[in-house]
mmCIF file of all heavy atoms, coordinates in Angstrom:
data_MODEL
# 
_entry.id   MODEL 
# 
loop_
_atom_site.group_PDB 
_atom_site.id 
_atom_site.type_symbol 
_atom_site.label_atom_id 
_atom_site.label_alt_id 
_atom_site.label_comp_id 
_atom_site.label_asym_id 
_atom_site.label_entity_id 
_atom_site.label_seq_id 
_atom_site.pdbx_PDB_ins_code 
_atom_site.Cartn_x 
_atom_site.Cartn_y 
_atom_site.Cartn_z 
_atom_site.occupancy 
_atom_site.B_iso_or_equiv 
_atom_site.pdbx_formal_charge 
_atom_site.auth_seq_id 
_atom_site.auth_comp_id 
_atom_site.auth_asym_id 
_atom_site.auth_atom_id 
_atom_site.pdbx_PDB_model_num 
ATOM 1   N N   . LEU A 1 1  ? 0.301   2.231  10.940  1.00 0.00 ? 1  LEU A N   1 
ATOM 2   C CA  . LEU A 1 1  ? 1.322   1.288  11.468  1.00 0.00 ? 1  LEU A CA  1 
ATOM 3   C C   . LEU A 1 1  ? 1.316   0.042  10.586  1.00 0.00 ? 1  LEU A C   1 
ATOM 4   O O   . LEU A 1 1  ? 0.305   -0.437 10.077  1.00 0.00 ? 1  LEU A O   1 
ATOM 5   C CB  . LEU A 1 1  ? 0.954   0.982  12.917  1.00 0.00 ? 1  LEU A CB  1 
ATOM 6   C CG  . LEU A 1 1  ? 0.937   2.120  13.797  1.00 0.00 ? 1  LEU A CG  1 
ATOM 7   C CD1 . LEU A 1 1  ? 0.588   1.636  15.263  1.00 0.00 ? 1  LEU A CD1 1 
ATOM 8   C CD2 . LEU A 1 1  ? 2.176   2.852  13.898  1.00 0.00 ? 1  LEU A CD2 1 
ATOM 9   N N   . GLY A 1 2  ? 2.532   -0.466 10.359  1.00 0.00 ? 2  GLY A N   1 
ATOM 10  C CA  . GLY A 1 2  ? 2.702   -1.790 9.713   1.00 0.00 ? 2  GLY A CA  1 
ATOM 11  C C   . GLY A 1 2  ? 2.515   -1.741 8.214   1.00 0.00 ? 2  GLY A C   1 
ATOM 12  O O   . GLY A 1 2  ? 2.104   -2.663 7.581   1.00 0.00 ? 2  GLY A O   1 
ATOM 13  N N   . THR A 1 3  ? 2.818   -0.566 7.499   1.00 0.00 ? 3  THR A N   1 
ATOM 14  C CA  . THR A 1 3  ? 2.601   -0.518 6.130   1.00 0.00 ? 3  THR A CA  1 
ATOM 15  C C   . THR A 1 3  ? 3.755   -1.181 5.363   1.00 0.00 ? 3  THR A C   1 
ATOM 16  O O   . THR A 1 3  ? 4.903   -1.308 5.860   1.00 0.00 ? 3  THR A O   1 
ATOM 17  C CB  . THR A 1 3  ? 2.454   0.992  5.674   1.00 0.00 ? 3  THR A CB  1 
ATOM 18  O OG1 . THR A 1 3  ? 3.697   1.543  5.873   1.00 0.00 ? 3  THR A OG1 1 
ATOM 19  C CG2 . THR A 1 3  ? 1.327   1.597  6.321   1.00 0.00 ? 3  THR A CG2 1 
ATOM 20  N N   . LEU A 1 4  ? 3.469   -1.618 4.225   1.00 0.00 ? 4  LEU A N   1 
ATOM 21  C CA  . LEU A 1 4  ? 4.491   -2.271 3.328   1.00 0.00 ? 4  LEU A CA  1 
ATOM 22  C C   . LEU A 1 4  ? 5.637   -1.286 3.054   1.00 0.00 ? 4  LEU A C   1 
ATOM 23  O O   . LEU A 1 4  ? 6.825   -1.713 3.151   1.00 0.00 ? 4  LEU A O   1 
ATOM 24  C CB  . LEU A 1 4  ? 3.841   -2.677 2.021   1.00 0.00 ? 4  LEU A CB  1 
ATOM 25  C CG  . LEU A 1 4  ? 4.825   -3.199 0.921   1.00 0.00 ? 4  LEU A CG  1 
ATOM 26  C CD1 . LEU A 1 4  ? 5.496   -4.468 1.456   1.00 0.00 ? 4  LEU A CD1 1 
ATOM 27  C CD2 . LEU A 1 4  ? 4.079   -3.504 -0.361  1.00 0.00 ? 4  LEU A CD2 1 
ATOM 28  N N   . GLN A 1 5  ? 5.302   -0.042 2.751   1.00 0.00 ? 5  GLN A N   1 
ATOM 29  C CA  . GLN A 1 5  ? 6.450   0.825  2.359   1.00 0.00 ? 5  GLN A CA  1 
ATOM 30  C C   . GLN A 1 5  ? 7.387   1.117  3.555   1.00 0.00 ? 5  GLN A C   1 
ATOM 31  O O   . GLN A 1 5  ? 8.654   1.175  3.421   1.00 0.00 ? 5  GLN A O   1 
ATOM 32  C CB  . GLN A 1 5  ? 5.956   2.161  1.781   1.00 0.00 ? 5  GLN A CB  1 
ATOM 33  C CG  . GLN A 1 5  ? 5.145   3.036  2.661   1.00 0.00 ? 5  GLN A CG  1 
ATOM 34  C CD  . GLN A 1 5  ? 4.559   4.176  1.831   1.00 0.00 ? 5  GLN A CD  1 
ATOM 35  O OE1 . GLN A 1 5  ? 4.192   4.008  0.644   1.00 0.00 ? 5  GLN A OE1 1 
ATOM 36  N NE2 . GLN A 1 5  ? 4.371   5.315  2.465   1.00 0.00 ? 5  GLN A NE2 1 
ATOM 37  N N   . ASP A 1 6  ? 6.827   1.200  4.774   1.00 0.00 ? 6  ASP A N   1 
ATOM 38  C CA  . ASP A 1 6  ? 7.735   1.358  5.965   1.00 0.00 ? 6  ASP A CA  1 
ATOM 39  C C   . ASP A 1 6  ? 8.476   0.109  6.243   1.00 0.00 ? 6  ASP A C   1 
ATOM 40  O O   . ASP A 1 6  ? 9.703   0.216  6.521   1.00 0.00 ? 6  ASP A O   1 
ATOM 41  C CB  . ASP A 1 6  ? 6.899   1.764  7.189   1.00 0.00 ? 6  ASP A CB  1 
ATOM 42  C CG  . ASP A 1 6  ? 6.422   3.182  7.133   1.00 0.00 ? 6  ASP A CG  1 
ATOM 43  O OD1 . ASP A 1 6  ? 6.636   3.875  6.141   1.00 0.00 ? 6  ASP A OD1 1 
ATOM 44  O OD2 . ASP A 1 6  ? 5.715   3.539  8.094   1.00 0.00 ? 6  ASP A OD2 1 
ATOM 45  N N   . TRP A 1 7  ? 7.896   -1.082 6.167   1.00 0.00 ? 7  TRP A N   1 
ATOM 46  C CA  . TRP A 1 7  ? 8.648   -2.311 6.344   1.00 0.00 ? 7  TRP A CA  1 
ATOM 47  C C   . TRP A 1 7  ? 9.710   -2.499 5.323   1.00 0.00 ? 7  TRP A C   1 
ATOM 48  O O   . TRP A 1 7  ? 10.872  -2.775 5.630   1.00 0.00 ? 7  TRP A O   1 
ATOM 49  C CB  . TRP A 1 7  ? 7.654   -3.453 6.281   1.00 0.00 ? 7  TRP A CB  1 
ATOM 50  C CG  . TRP A 1 7  ? 8.350   -4.806 6.471   1.00 0.00 ? 7  TRP A CG  1 
ATOM 51  C CD1 . TRP A 1 7  ? 8.669   -5.456 7.637   1.00 0.00 ? 7  TRP A CD1 1 
ATOM 52  C CD2 . TRP A 1 7  ? 8.945   -5.595 5.421   1.00 0.00 ? 7  TRP A CD2 1 
ATOM 53  N NE1 . TRP A 1 7  ? 9.388   -6.572 7.405   1.00 0.00 ? 7  TRP A NE1 1 
ATOM 54  C CE2 . TRP A 1 7  ? 9.613   -6.711 6.049   1.00 0.00 ? 7  TRP A CE2 1 
ATOM 55  C CE3 . TRP A 1 7  ? 8.945   -5.501 4.073   1.00 0.00 ? 7  TRP A CE3 1 
ATOM 56  C CZ2 . TRP A 1 7  ? 10.229  -7.671 5.362   1.00 0.00 ? 7  TRP A CZ2 1 
ATOM 57  C CZ3 . TRP A 1 7  ? 9.649   -6.522 3.362   1.00 0.00 ? 7  TRP A CZ3 1 
ATOM 58  C CH2 . TRP A 1 7  ? 10.261  -7.622 3.987   1.00 0.00 ? 7  TRP A CH2 1 
ATOM 59  N N   . SER A 1 8  ? 9.357   -2.232 4.062   1.00 0.00 ? 8  SER A N   1 
ATOM 60  C CA  . SER A 1 8  ? 10.316  -2.397 3.011   1.00 0.00 ? 8  SER A CA  1 
ATOM 61  C C   . SER A 1 8  ? 11.597  -1.582 3.188   1.00 0.00 ? 8  SER A C   1 
ATOM 62  O O   . SER A 1 8  ? 12.697  -2.013 3.039   1.00 0.00 ? 8  SER A O   1 
ATOM 63  C CB  . SER A 1 8  ? 9.660   -2.086 1.686   1.00 0.00 ? 8  SER A CB  1 
ATOM 64  O OG  . SER A 1 8  ? 10.531  -2.238 0.549   1.00 0.00 ? 8  SER A OG  1 
ATOM 65  N N   . TYR A 1 9  ? 11.386  -0.352 3.491   1.00 0.00 ? 9  TYR A N   1 
ATOM 66  C CA  . TYR A 1 9  ? 12.459  0.572  3.680   1.00 0.00 ? 9  TYR A CA  1 
ATOM 67  C C   . TYR A 1 9  ? 13.286  0.211  4.900   1.00 0.00 ? 9  TYR A C   1 
ATOM 68  O O   . TYR A 1 9  ? 14.500  0.095  4.983   1.00 0.00 ? 9  TYR A O   1 
ATOM 69  C CB  . TYR A 1 9  ? 11.975  2.026  3.845   1.00 0.00 ? 9  TYR A CB  1 
ATOM 70  C CG  . TYR A 1 9  ? 13.007  3.017  4.026   1.00 0.00 ? 9  TYR A CG  1 
ATOM 71  C CD1 . TYR A 1 9  ? 13.832  3.389  2.876   1.00 0.00 ? 9  TYR A CD1 1 
ATOM 72  C CD2 . TYR A 1 9  ? 13.251  3.742  5.227   1.00 0.00 ? 9  TYR A CD2 1 
ATOM 73  C CE1 . TYR A 1 9  ? 14.771  4.379  2.966   1.00 0.00 ? 9  TYR A CE1 1 
ATOM 74  C CE2 . TYR A 1 9  ? 14.250  4.662  5.289   1.00 0.00 ? 9  TYR A CE2 1 
ATOM 75  C CZ  . TYR A 1 9  ? 14.989  5.061  4.174   1.00 0.00 ? 9  TYR A CZ  1 
ATOM 76  O OH  . TYR A 1 9  ? 16.024  6.000  4.315   1.00 0.00 ? 9  TYR A OH  1 
ATOM 77  N N   . ASP A 1 10 ? 12.625  -0.119 6.026   1.00 0.00 ? 10 ASP A N   1 
ATOM 78  C CA  . ASP A 1 10 ? 13.286  -0.412 7.313   1.00 0.00 ? 10 ASP A CA  1 
ATOM 79  C C   . ASP A 1 10 ? 14.099  -1.720 7.166   1.00 0.00 ? 10 ASP A C   1 
ATOM 80  O O   . ASP A 1 10 ? 15.215  -1.856 7.632   1.00 0.00 ? 10 ASP A O   1 
ATOM 81  C CB  . ASP A 1 10 ? 12.237  -0.421 8.405   1.00 0.00 ? 10 ASP A CB  1 
ATOM 82  C CG  . ASP A 1 10 ? 12.973  -0.778 9.749   1.00 0.00 ? 10 ASP A CG  1 
ATOM 83  O OD1 . ASP A 1 10 ? 13.802  0.026  10.192  1.00 0.00 ? 10 ASP A OD1 1 
ATOM 84  O OD2 . ASP A 1 10 ? 12.647  -1.806 10.415  1.00 0.00 ? 10 ASP A OD2 1 
ATOM 85  N N   . GLN A 1 11 ? 13.457  -2.700 6.680   1.00 0.00 ? 11 GLN A N   1 
ATOM 86  C CA  . GLN A 1 11 ? 14.042  -4.071 6.607   1.00 0.00 ? 11 GLN A CA  1 
ATOM 87  C C   . GLN A 1 11 ? 14.958  -4.356 5.504   1.00 0.00 ? 11 GLN A C   1 
ATOM 88  O O   . GLN A 1 11 ? 15.883  -5.256 5.533   1.00 0.00 ? 11 GLN A O   1 
ATOM 89  C CB  . GLN A 1 11 ? 12.968  -5.145 6.691   1.00 0.00 ? 11 GLN A CB  1 
ATOM 90  C CG  . GLN A 1 11 ? 12.127  -5.087 7.948   1.00 0.00 ? 11 GLN A CG  1 
ATOM 91  C CD  . GLN A 1 11 ? 12.933  -5.416 9.223   1.00 0.00 ? 11 GLN A CD  1 
ATOM 92  O OE1 . GLN A 1 11 ? 13.671  -6.380 9.228   1.00 0.00 ? 11 GLN A OE1 1 
ATOM 93  N NE2 . GLN A 1 11 ? 12.864  -4.521 10.186  1.00 0.00 ? 11 GLN A NE2 1 
ATOM 94  N N   . THR A 1 12 ? 14.768  -3.737 4.320   1.00 0.00 ? 12 THR A N   1 
ATOM 95  C CA  . THR A 1 12 ? 15.549  -4.051 3.132   1.00 0.00 ? 12 THR A CA  1 
ATOM 96  C C   . THR A 1 12 ? 16.261  -2.869 2.515   1.00 0.00 ? 12 THR A C   1 
ATOM 97  O O   . THR A 1 12 ? 17.049  -3.054 1.625   1.00 0.00 ? 12 THR A O   1 
ATOM 98  C CB  . THR A 1 12 ? 14.661  -4.745 2.052   1.00 0.00 ? 12 THR A CB  1 
ATOM 99  O OG1 . THR A 1 12 ? 13.783  -3.753 1.454   1.00 0.00 ? 12 THR A OG1 1 
ATOM 100 C CG2 . THR A 1 12 ? 13.834  -5.880 2.628   1.00 0.00 ? 12 THR A CG2 1 
ATOM 101 N N   . GLY A 1 13 ? 15.857  -1.668 2.966   1.00 0.00 ? 13 GLY A N   1 
ATOM 102 C CA  . GLY A 1 13 ? 16.500  -0.426 2.359   1.00 0.00 ? 13 GLY A CA  1 
ATOM 103 C C   . GLY A 1 13 ? 15.859  -0.059 1.043   1.00 0.00 ? 13 GLY A C   1 
ATOM 104 O O   . GLY A 1 13 ? 16.436  0.818  0.329   1.00 0.00 ? 13 GLY A O   1 
ATOM 105 N N   . CYS A 1 14 ? 14.786  -0.689 0.686   1.00 0.00 ? 14 CYS A N   1 
ATOM 106 C CA  . CYS A 1 14 ? 14.162  -0.463 -0.611  1.00 0.00 ? 14 CYS A CA  1 
ATOM 107 C C   . CYS A 1 14 ? 13.151  0.678  -0.389  1.00 0.00 ? 14 CYS A C   1 
ATOM 108 O O   . CYS A 1 14 ? 12.278  0.681  0.514   1.00 0.00 ? 14 CYS A O   1 
ATOM 109 C CB  . CYS A 1 14 ? 13.365  -1.712 -1.011  1.00 0.00 ? 14 CYS A CB  1 
ATOM 110 S SG  . CYS A 1 14 ? 12.413  -1.519 -2.576  1.00 0.00 ? 14 CYS A SG  1 
ATOM 111 N N   . ILE A 1 15 ? 13.205  1.738  -1.260  1.00 0.00 ? 15 ILE A N   1 
ATOM 112 C CA  . ILE A 1 15 ? 12.257  2.846  -1.169  1.00 0.00 ? 15 ILE A CA  1 
ATOM 113 C C   . ILE A 1 15 ? 10.950  2.447  -1.883  1.00 0.00 ? 15 ILE A C   1 
ATOM 114 O O   . ILE A 1 15 ? 11.052  2.109  -3.023  1.00 0.00 ? 15 ILE A O   1 
ATOM 115 C CB  . ILE A 1 15 ? 12.896  4.108  -1.772  1.00 0.00 ? 15 ILE A CB  1 
ATOM 116 C CG1 . ILE A 1 15 ? 14.082  4.569  -0.929  1.00 0.00 ? 15 ILE A CG1 1 
ATOM 117 C CG2 . ILE A 1 15 ? 11.869  5.248  -1.838  1.00 0.00 ? 15 ILE A CG2 1 
ATOM 118 C CD1 . ILE A 1 15 ? 14.897  5.786  -1.502  1.00 0.00 ? 15 ILE A CD1 1 
ATOM 119 N N   . ASP A 1 16 ? 9.935   2.446  -1.125  1.00 0.00 ? 16 ASP A N   1 
ATOM 120 C CA  . ASP A 1 16 ? 8.641   2.017  -1.663  1.00 0.00 ? 16 ASP A CA  1 
ATOM 121 C C   . ASP A 1 16 ? 7.673   3.173  -1.578  1.00 0.00 ? 16 ASP A C   1 
ATOM 122 O O   . ASP A 1 16 ? 7.715   3.933  -0.579  1.00 0.00 ? 16 ASP A O   1 
ATOM 123 C CB  . ASP A 1 16 ? 8.055   0.878  -0.869  1.00 0.00 ? 16 ASP A CB  1 
ATOM 124 C CG  . ASP A 1 16 ? 6.771   0.272  -1.476  1.00 0.00 ? 16 ASP A CG  1 
ATOM 125 O OD1 . ASP A 1 16 ? 6.840   -0.460 -2.560  1.00 0.00 ? 16 ASP A OD1 1 
ATOM 126 O OD2 . ASP A 1 16 ? 5.684   0.590  -0.959  1.00 0.00 ? 16 ASP A OD2 1 
ATOM 127 N N   . ALA A 1 17 ? 6.837   3.342  -2.585  1.00 0.00 ? 17 ALA A N   1 
ATOM 128 C CA  . ALA A 1 17 ? 5.786   4.401  -2.614  1.00 0.00 ? 17 ALA A CA  1 
ATOM 129 C C   . ALA A 1 17 ? 4.457   3.703  -2.842  1.00 0.00 ? 17 ALA A C   1 
ATOM 130 O O   . ALA A 1 17 ? 4.323   2.692  -3.540  1.00 0.00 ? 17 ALA A O   1 
ATOM 131 C CB  . ALA A 1 17 ? 6.014   5.409  -3.651  1.00 0.00 ? 17 ALA A CB  1 
ATOM 132 N N   . THR A 1 18 ? 3.422   4.268  -2.114  1.00 0.00 ? 18 THR A N   1 
ATOM 133 C CA  . THR A 1 18 ? 2.007   3.791  -2.406  1.00 0.00 ? 18 THR A CA  1 
ATOM 134 C C   . THR A 1 18 ? 1.462   4.777  -3.376  1.00 0.00 ? 18 THR A C   1 
ATOM 135 O O   . THR A 1 18 ? 1.342   6.019  -3.110  1.00 0.00 ? 18 THR A O   1 
ATOM 136 C CB  . THR A 1 18 ? 1.212   3.733  -1.131  1.00 0.00 ? 18 THR A CB  1 
ATOM 137 O OG1 . THR A 1 18 ? 1.903   2.815  -0.278  1.00 0.00 ? 18 THR A OG1 1 
ATOM 138 C CG2 . THR A 1 18 ? -0.194  3.317  -1.388  1.00 0.00 ? 18 THR A CG2 1 
ATOM 139 N N   . ILE A 1 19 ? 1.018   4.240  -4.542  1.00 0.00 ? 19 ILE A N   1 
ATOM 140 C CA  . ILE A 1 19 ? 0.446   5.155  -5.559  1.00 0.00 ? 19 ILE A CA  1 
ATOM 141 C C   . ILE A 1 19 ? -0.973  4.884  -5.613  1.00 0.00 ? 19 ILE A C   1 
ATOM 142 O O   . ILE A 1 19 ? -1.480  3.853  -5.909  1.00 0.00 ? 19 ILE A O   1 
ATOM 143 C CB  . ILE A 1 19 ? 1.127   4.855  -6.986  1.00 0.00 ? 19 ILE A CB  1 
ATOM 144 C CG1 . ILE A 1 19 ? 2.640   5.155  -6.829  1.00 0.00 ? 19 ILE A CG1 1 
ATOM 145 C CG2 . ILE A 1 19 ? 0.544   5.620  -7.993  1.00 0.00 ? 19 ILE A CG2 1 
ATOM 146 C CD1 . ILE A 1 19 ? 3.500   4.678  -7.999  1.00 0.00 ? 19 ILE A CD1 1 
ATOM 147 N N   . GLU A 1 20 ? -1.759  5.929  -5.299  1.00 0.00 ? 20 GLU A N   1 
ATOM 148 C CA  . GLU A 1 20 ? -3.228  5.909  -5.262  1.00 0.00 ? 20 GLU A CA  1 
ATOM 149 C C   . GLU A 1 20 ? -3.662  6.448  -6.562  1.00 0.00 ? 20 GLU A C   1 
ATOM 150 O O   . GLU A 1 20 ? -3.332  7.587  -6.918  1.00 0.00 ? 20 GLU A O   1 
ATOM 151 C CB  . GLU A 1 20 ? -3.746  6.733  -4.147  1.00 0.00 ? 20 GLU A CB  1 
ATOM 152 C CG  . GLU A 1 20 ? -3.189  6.327  -2.712  1.00 0.00 ? 20 GLU A CG  1 
ATOM 153 C CD  . GLU A 1 20 ? -4.111  5.359  -2.125  1.00 0.00 ? 20 GLU A CD  1 
ATOM 154 O OE1 . GLU A 1 20 ? -5.147  5.046  -2.593  1.00 0.00 ? 20 GLU A OE1 1 
ATOM 155 O OE2 . GLU A 1 20 ? -3.698  4.906  -0.971  1.00 0.00 ? 20 GLU A OE2 1 
ATOM 156 N N   . VAL A 1 21 ? -4.413  5.686  -7.355  1.00 0.00 ? 21 VAL A N   1 
ATOM 157 C CA  . VAL A 1 21 ? -4.694  6.053  -8.774  1.00 0.00 ? 21 VAL A CA  1 
ATOM 158 C C   . VAL A 1 21 ? -6.185  6.594  -9.023  1.00 0.00 ? 21 VAL A C   1 
ATOM 159 O O   . VAL A 1 21 ? -6.459  6.913  -10.118 1.00 0.00 ? 21 VAL A O   1 
ATOM 160 C CB  . VAL A 1 21 ? -4.365  4.943  -9.738  1.00 0.00 ? 21 VAL A CB  1 
ATOM 161 C CG1 . VAL A 1 21 ? -2.935  4.521  -9.744  1.00 0.00 ? 21 VAL A CG1 1 
ATOM 162 C CG2 . VAL A 1 21 ? -5.269  3.685  -9.489  1.00 0.00 ? 21 VAL A CG2 1 
ATOM 163 N N   . SER A 1 22 ? -6.950  6.592  -7.986  1.00 0.00 ? 22 SER A N   1 
ATOM 164 C CA  . SER A 1 22 ? -8.325  7.029  -8.201  1.00 0.00 ? 22 SER A CA  1 
ATOM 165 C C   . SER A 1 22 ? -8.904  7.453  -6.871  1.00 0.00 ? 22 SER A C   1 
ATOM 166 O O   . SER A 1 22 ? -8.659  6.818  -5.835  1.00 0.00 ? 22 SER A O   1 
ATOM 167 C CB  . SER A 1 22 ? -9.235  5.841  -8.774  1.00 0.00 ? 22 SER A CB  1 
ATOM 168 O OG  . SER A 1 22 ? -10.524 6.080  -8.748  1.00 0.00 ? 22 SER A OG  1 
ATOM 169 N N   . ASN A 1 23 ? -9.741  8.478  -6.936  1.00 0.00 ? 23 ASN A N   1 
ATOM 170 C CA  . ASN A 1 23 ? -10.501 8.908  -5.717  1.00 0.00 ? 23 ASN A CA  1 
ATOM 171 C C   . ASN A 1 23 ? -11.595 7.923  -5.378  1.00 0.00 ? 23 ASN A C   1 
ATOM 172 O O   . ASN A 1 23 ? -12.065 7.955  -4.236  1.00 0.00 ? 23 ASN A O   1 
ATOM 173 C CB  . ASN A 1 23 ? -11.066 10.294 -5.919  1.00 0.00 ? 23 ASN A CB  1 
ATOM 174 C CG  . ASN A 1 23 ? -9.962  11.366 -5.902  1.00 0.00 ? 23 ASN A CG  1 
ATOM 175 O OD1 . ASN A 1 23 ? -9.021  11.325 -5.036  1.00 0.00 ? 23 ASN A OD1 1 
ATOM 176 N ND2 . ASN A 1 23 ? -10.006 12.355 -6.821  1.00 0.00 ? 23 ASN A ND2 1 
ATOM 177 N N   . THR A 1 24 ? -11.822 6.984  -6.218  1.00 0.00 ? 24 THR A N   1 
ATOM 178 C CA  . THR A 1 24 ? -12.794 5.936  -5.934  1.00 0.00 ? 24 THR A CA  1 
ATOM 179 C C   . THR A 1 24 ? -12.036 4.683  -5.390  1.00 0.00 ? 24 THR A C   1 
ATOM 180 O O   . THR A 1 24 ? -11.144 4.251  -6.090  1.00 0.00 ? 24 THR A O   1 
ATOM 181 C CB  . THR A 1 24 ? -13.599 5.536  -7.287  1.00 0.00 ? 24 THR A CB  1 
ATOM 182 O OG1 . THR A 1 24 ? -14.219 6.771  -7.714  1.00 0.00 ? 24 THR A OG1 1 
ATOM 183 C CG2 . THR A 1 24 ? -14.721 4.504  -6.967  1.00 0.00 ? 24 THR A CG2 1 
ATOM 184 N N   . LYS A 1 25 ? -12.540 4.211  -4.284  1.00 0.00 ? 25 LYS A N   1 
ATOM 185 C CA  . LYS A 1 25 ? -11.769 3.007  -3.696  1.00 0.00 ? 25 LYS A CA  1 
ATOM 186 C C   . LYS A 1 25 ? -11.938 1.773  -4.529  1.00 0.00 ? 25 LYS A C   1 
ATOM 187 O O   . LYS A 1 25 ? -11.054 1.071  -4.721  1.00 0.00 ? 25 LYS A O   1 
ATOM 188 C CB  . LYS A 1 25 ? -12.393 2.856  -2.287  1.00 0.00 ? 25 LYS A CB  1 
ATOM 189 C CG  . LYS A 1 25 ? -11.658 1.663  -1.550  1.00 0.00 ? 25 LYS A CG  1 
ATOM 190 C CD  . LYS A 1 25 ? -10.173 2.011  -1.293  1.00 0.00 ? 25 LYS A CD  1 
ATOM 191 C CE  . LYS A 1 25 ? -9.545  0.949  -0.434  1.00 0.00 ? 25 LYS A CE  1 
ATOM 192 N NZ  . LYS A 1 25 ? -8.117  1.160  -0.448  1.00 0.00 ? 25 LYS A NZ  1 
ATOM 193 N N   . TRP A 1 26 ? -13.177 1.522  -5.006  1.00 0.00 ? 26 TRP A N   1 
ATOM 194 C CA  . TRP A 1 26 ? -13.439 0.342  -5.867  1.00 0.00 ? 26 TRP A CA  1 
ATOM 195 C C   . TRP A 1 26 ? -13.892 0.747  -7.295  1.00 0.00 ? 26 TRP A C   1 
ATOM 196 O O   . TRP A 1 26 ? -15.093 0.577  -7.492  1.00 0.00 ? 26 TRP A O   1 
ATOM 197 C CB  . TRP A 1 26 ? -14.368 -0.582 -5.184  1.00 0.00 ? 26 TRP A CB  1 
ATOM 198 C CG  . TRP A 1 26 ? -13.971 -1.008 -3.780  1.00 0.00 ? 26 TRP A CG  1 
ATOM 199 C CD1 . TRP A 1 26 ? -14.447 -0.574 -2.605  1.00 0.00 ? 26 TRP A CD1 1 
ATOM 200 C CD2 . TRP A 1 26 ? -12.931 -1.927 -3.457  1.00 0.00 ? 26 TRP A CD2 1 
ATOM 201 N NE1 . TRP A 1 26 ? -13.730 -1.081 -1.585  1.00 0.00 ? 26 TRP A NE1 1 
ATOM 202 C CE2 . TRP A 1 26 ? -12.769 -1.966 -2.127  1.00 0.00 ? 26 TRP A CE2 1 
ATOM 203 C CE3 . TRP A 1 26 ? -12.030 -2.700 -4.264  1.00 0.00 ? 26 TRP A CE3 1 
ATOM 204 C CZ2 . TRP A 1 26 ? -11.884 -2.807 -1.470  1.00 0.00 ? 26 TRP A CZ2 1 
ATOM 205 C CZ3 . TRP A 1 26 ? -11.116 -3.506 -3.623  1.00 0.00 ? 26 TRP A CZ3 1 
ATOM 206 C CH2 . TRP A 1 26 ? -11.021 -3.544 -2.196  1.00 0.00 ? 26 TRP A CH2 1 
ATOM 207 N N   . PRO A 1 27 ? -13.103 1.297  -8.080  1.00 0.00 ? 27 PRO A N   1 
ATOM 208 C CA  . PRO A 1 27 ? -13.563 1.686  -9.423  1.00 0.00 ? 27 PRO A CA  1 
ATOM 209 C C   . PRO A 1 27 ? -13.934 0.478  -10.222 1.00 0.00 ? 27 PRO A C   1 
ATOM 210 O O   . PRO A 1 27 ? -13.483 -0.586 -10.134 1.00 0.00 ? 27 PRO A O   1 
ATOM 211 C CB  . PRO A 1 27 ? -12.371 2.486  -10.021 1.00 0.00 ? 27 PRO A CB  1 
ATOM 212 C CG  . PRO A 1 27 ? -11.242 1.866  -9.339  1.00 0.00 ? 27 PRO A CG  1 
ATOM 213 C CD  . PRO A 1 27 ? -11.631 1.470  -7.928  1.00 0.00 ? 27 PRO A CD  1 
ATOM 214 N N   . SER A 1 28 ? -14.750 0.769  -11.254 1.00 0.00 ? 28 SER A N   1 
ATOM 215 C CA  . SER A 1 28 ? -15.207 -0.212 -12.212 1.00 0.00 ? 28 SER A CA  1 
ATOM 216 C C   . SER A 1 28 ? -14.004 -0.790 -13.044 1.00 0.00 ? 28 SER A C   1 
ATOM 217 O O   . SER A 1 28 ? -13.117 -0.005 -13.365 1.00 0.00 ? 28 SER A O   1 
ATOM 218 C CB  . SER A 1 28 ? -16.255 0.387  -13.164 1.00 0.00 ? 28 SER A CB  1 
ATOM 219 O OG  . SER A 1 28 ? -16.434 -0.472 -14.283 1.00 0.00 ? 28 SER A OG  1 
ATOM 220 N N   . ALA A 1 29 ? -14.004 -2.062 -13.335 1.00 0.00 ? 29 ALA A N   1 
ATOM 221 C CA  . ALA A 1 29 ? -12.977 -2.542 -14.223 1.00 0.00 ? 29 ALA A CA  1 
ATOM 222 C C   . ALA A 1 29 ? -12.980 -1.835 -15.518 1.00 0.00 ? 29 ALA A C   1 
ATOM 223 O O   . ALA A 1 29 ? -11.880 -1.865 -16.228 1.00 0.00 ? 29 ALA A O   1 
ATOM 224 C CB  . ALA A 1 29 ? -13.201 -4.093 -14.410 1.00 0.00 ? 29 ALA A CB  1 
ATOM 225 N N   . SER A 1 30 ? -14.044 -1.308 -16.018 1.00 0.00 ? 30 SER A N   1 
ATOM 226 C CA  . SER A 1 30 ? -14.023 -0.590 -17.344 1.00 0.00 ? 30 SER A CA  1 
ATOM 227 C C   . SER A 1 30 ? -13.177 0.593  -17.382 1.00 0.00 ? 30 SER A C   1 
ATOM 228 O O   . SER A 1 30 ? -12.790 1.045  -18.425 1.00 0.00 ? 30 SER A O   1 
ATOM 229 C CB  . SER A 1 30 ? -15.466 -0.211 -17.686 1.00 0.00 ? 30 SER A CB  1 
ATOM 230 O OG  . SER A 1 30 ? -16.010 0.793  -16.797 1.00 0.00 ? 30 SER A OG  1 
# 
């Protein structure tokens, strides 16, 4: 509940996607 992509679409009509780039939550900056 209360995600940015849902709010963005509902309130502004902007299609937003959440792109998860790593199976590691906190990967090394390297």
